[in-house]
Amino acid sequence: MKIDFTPAAEKFIRRLVTFDGPRGAGLRLLVSPGGCSGMSAEFSVEAAPREGEQVFAHGSFKLFLPAKSRLLLDGVTVDFVETPTSTGFVFHDPKAKSCGCSTTDAKEFVETA
């Protein structure tokens, strides 16, 4: 499985895990198909993975990923974007196809606030 992270996404995840979790915590990332152009996600900082979740170590943080999320995130680049109107993860999936009902092309904002 291959997941890439932009520097902005890495920084955001490291900060979440460092400030919101105990030592050794990771980010649980639940991804599902959603919206016209790709994926939606829920995330939380957790002390340990749940049964059936795989630990994906990336540099200085860990992701706890259930099987469905692993399948959807394979080959995806995760970014974190802050704009005046929205803040959140953006998933860039080269395999995604736009259906024409969205102005975003192969990406989906996931709000964090």
Protein backbone atom coordinates (compact mmCIF):
# COMPACT_ATOMS: atom_id res chain seq x y z
CA MET A 1 0.00 0.00 0.00
CA LYS A 2 1.30 3.43 -0.94
CA ILE A 3 0.01 6.70 0.55
CA ASP A 4 1.80 10.01 0.04
CA PHE A 5 1.47 13.09 2.22
CA THR A 6 2.23 16.69 1.39
CA PRO A 7 4.33 18.62 3.93
CA ALA A 8 1.18 20.49 5.03
CA ALA A 9 -0.67 17.22 5.74
CA GLU A 10 2.31 15.78 7.61
CA LYS A 11 2.56 18.90 9.79
CA PHE A 12 -1.17 18.88 10.58
CA ILE A 13 -1.22 15.17 11.49
CA ARG A 14 1.92 15.45 13.65
CA ARG A 15 0.38 18.38 15.54
CA LEU A 16 -2.90 16.52 16.10
CA VAL A 17 -1.19 13.42 17.40
CA THR A 18 1.29 15.36 19.55
CA PHE A 19 -1.20 17.69 21.22
CA ASP A 20 -4.37 15.57 21.31
CA GLY A 21 -3.10 12.11 22.17
CA PRO A 22 -1.00 10.19 24.66
CA ARG A 23 2.53 9.13 23.86
CA GLY A 24 2.51 6.63 21.00
CA ALA A 25 -0.93 7.70 19.74
CA GLY A 26 -1.91 7.63 16.10
CA LEU A 27 -4.54 9.06 13.79
CA ARG A 28 -7.51 6.82 13.00
CA LEU A 29 -8.53 7.65 9.45
CA LEU A 30 -11.87 6.26 8.26
CA VAL A 31 -12.32 6.91 4.54
CA SER A 32 -15.42 6.13 2.52
CA PRO A 33 -16.56 6.81 -1.01
CA GLY A 34 -18.41 10.06 -0.96
CA GLY A 35 -19.45 12.96 -3.02
CA CYS A 36 -19.18 13.33 -6.71
CA SER A 37 -15.43 13.40 -6.92
CA GLY A 38 -13.98 10.98 -4.46
CA MET A 39 -13.80 10.43 -0.76
CA SER A 40 -14.99 11.68 2.57
CA ALA A 41 -13.28 10.95 5.85
CA GLU A 42 -13.58 10.98 9.59
CA PHE A 43 -10.54 11.06 11.82
CA SER A 44 -9.62 11.02 15.48
CA VAL A 45 -6.49 10.72 17.59
CA GLU A 46 -6.43 7.35 19.35
CA ALA A 47 -4.06 5.64 21.78
CA ALA A 48 -4.07 2.33 19.87
CA PRO A 49 -5.55 0.69 16.78
CA ARG A 50 -8.82 -1.18 16.98
CA GLU A 51 -9.16 -4.83 16.08
CA GLY A 52 -8.74 -5.28 12.34
CA GLU A 53 -6.97 -1.97 11.78
CA GLN A 54 -3.51 -1.90 10.25
CA VAL A 55 -0.87 0.48 11.55
CA PHE A 56 0.71 2.53 8.77
CA ALA A 57 3.88 4.23 10.03
CA HIS A 58 4.90 7.36 8.17
CA GLY A 59 7.86 9.30 9.48
CA SER A 60 6.99 10.67 12.91
CA PHE A 61 3.33 9.61 13.03
CA LYS A 62 1.14 6.52 12.72
CA LEU A 63 -2.18 6.01 10.97
CA PHE A 64 -4.69 3.41 12.11
CA LEU A 65 -6.50 2.23 8.99
CA PRO A 66 -9.39 -0.22 8.64
CA ALA A 67 -9.41 -2.46 5.55
CA LYS A 68 -11.86 -0.30 3.56
CA SER A 69 -9.74 2.81 4.13
CA ARG A 70 -6.59 1.00 3.05
CA LEU A 71 -8.21 0.06 -0.25
CA LEU A 72 -9.45 3.58 -0.93
CA LEU A 73 -6.20 5.32 0.05
CA ASP A 74 -3.85 3.15 -2.00
CA GLY A 75 -2.06 5.46 -4.44
CA VAL A 76 -3.62 8.63 -2.99
CA THR A 77 -1.81 11.82 -1.94
CA VAL A 78 -3.20 13.41 1.21
CA ASP A 79 -2.95 17.20 1.49
CA PHE A 80 -4.11 19.69 4.11
CA VAL A 81 -5.43 23.05 2.94
CA GLU A 82 -6.43 26.19 4.84
CA THR A 83 -8.34 28.86 2.97
CA PRO A 84 -10.51 31.75 4.19
CA THR A 85 -13.63 29.63 3.58
CA SER A 86 -12.57 26.07 4.46
CA THR A 87 -9.98 24.00 6.25
CA GLY A 88 -9.35 20.31 5.84
CA PHE A 89 -7.83 17.31 4.17
CA VAL A 90 -7.85 17.05 0.41
CA PHE A 91 -7.40 13.64 -1.21
CA HIS A 92 -5.76 13.61 -4.63
CA ASP A 93 -6.62 10.31 -6.25
CA PRO A 94 -5.19 9.79 -9.74
CA LYS A 95 -7.63 6.89 -10.25
CA ALA A 96 -10.75 9.00 -9.57
CA LYS A 97 -12.92 10.19 -12.39
CA SER A 98 -15.03 13.31 -12.15
CA CYS A 99 -18.70 12.83 -12.95
CA GLY A 100 -19.22 16.38 -14.20
CA CYS A 101 -21.32 17.62 -11.29
CA SER A 102 -18.45 19.16 -9.38
CA THR A 103 -15.82 21.78 -10.05
CA THR A 104 -13.21 19.82 -8.13
CA ASP A 105 -11.30 17.29 -10.18
CA ALA A 106 -10.46 14.03 -8.41
CA LYS A 107 -10.33 15.50 -4.93
CA GLU A 108 -12.61 16.01 -1.97
CA PHE A 109 -12.37 18.48 0.90
CA VAL A 110 -12.90 17.03 4.33
CA GLU A 111 -13.68 19.72 6.85
CA THR A 112 -11.84 19.74 10.15
CA ALA A 113 -13.83 22.51 11.78
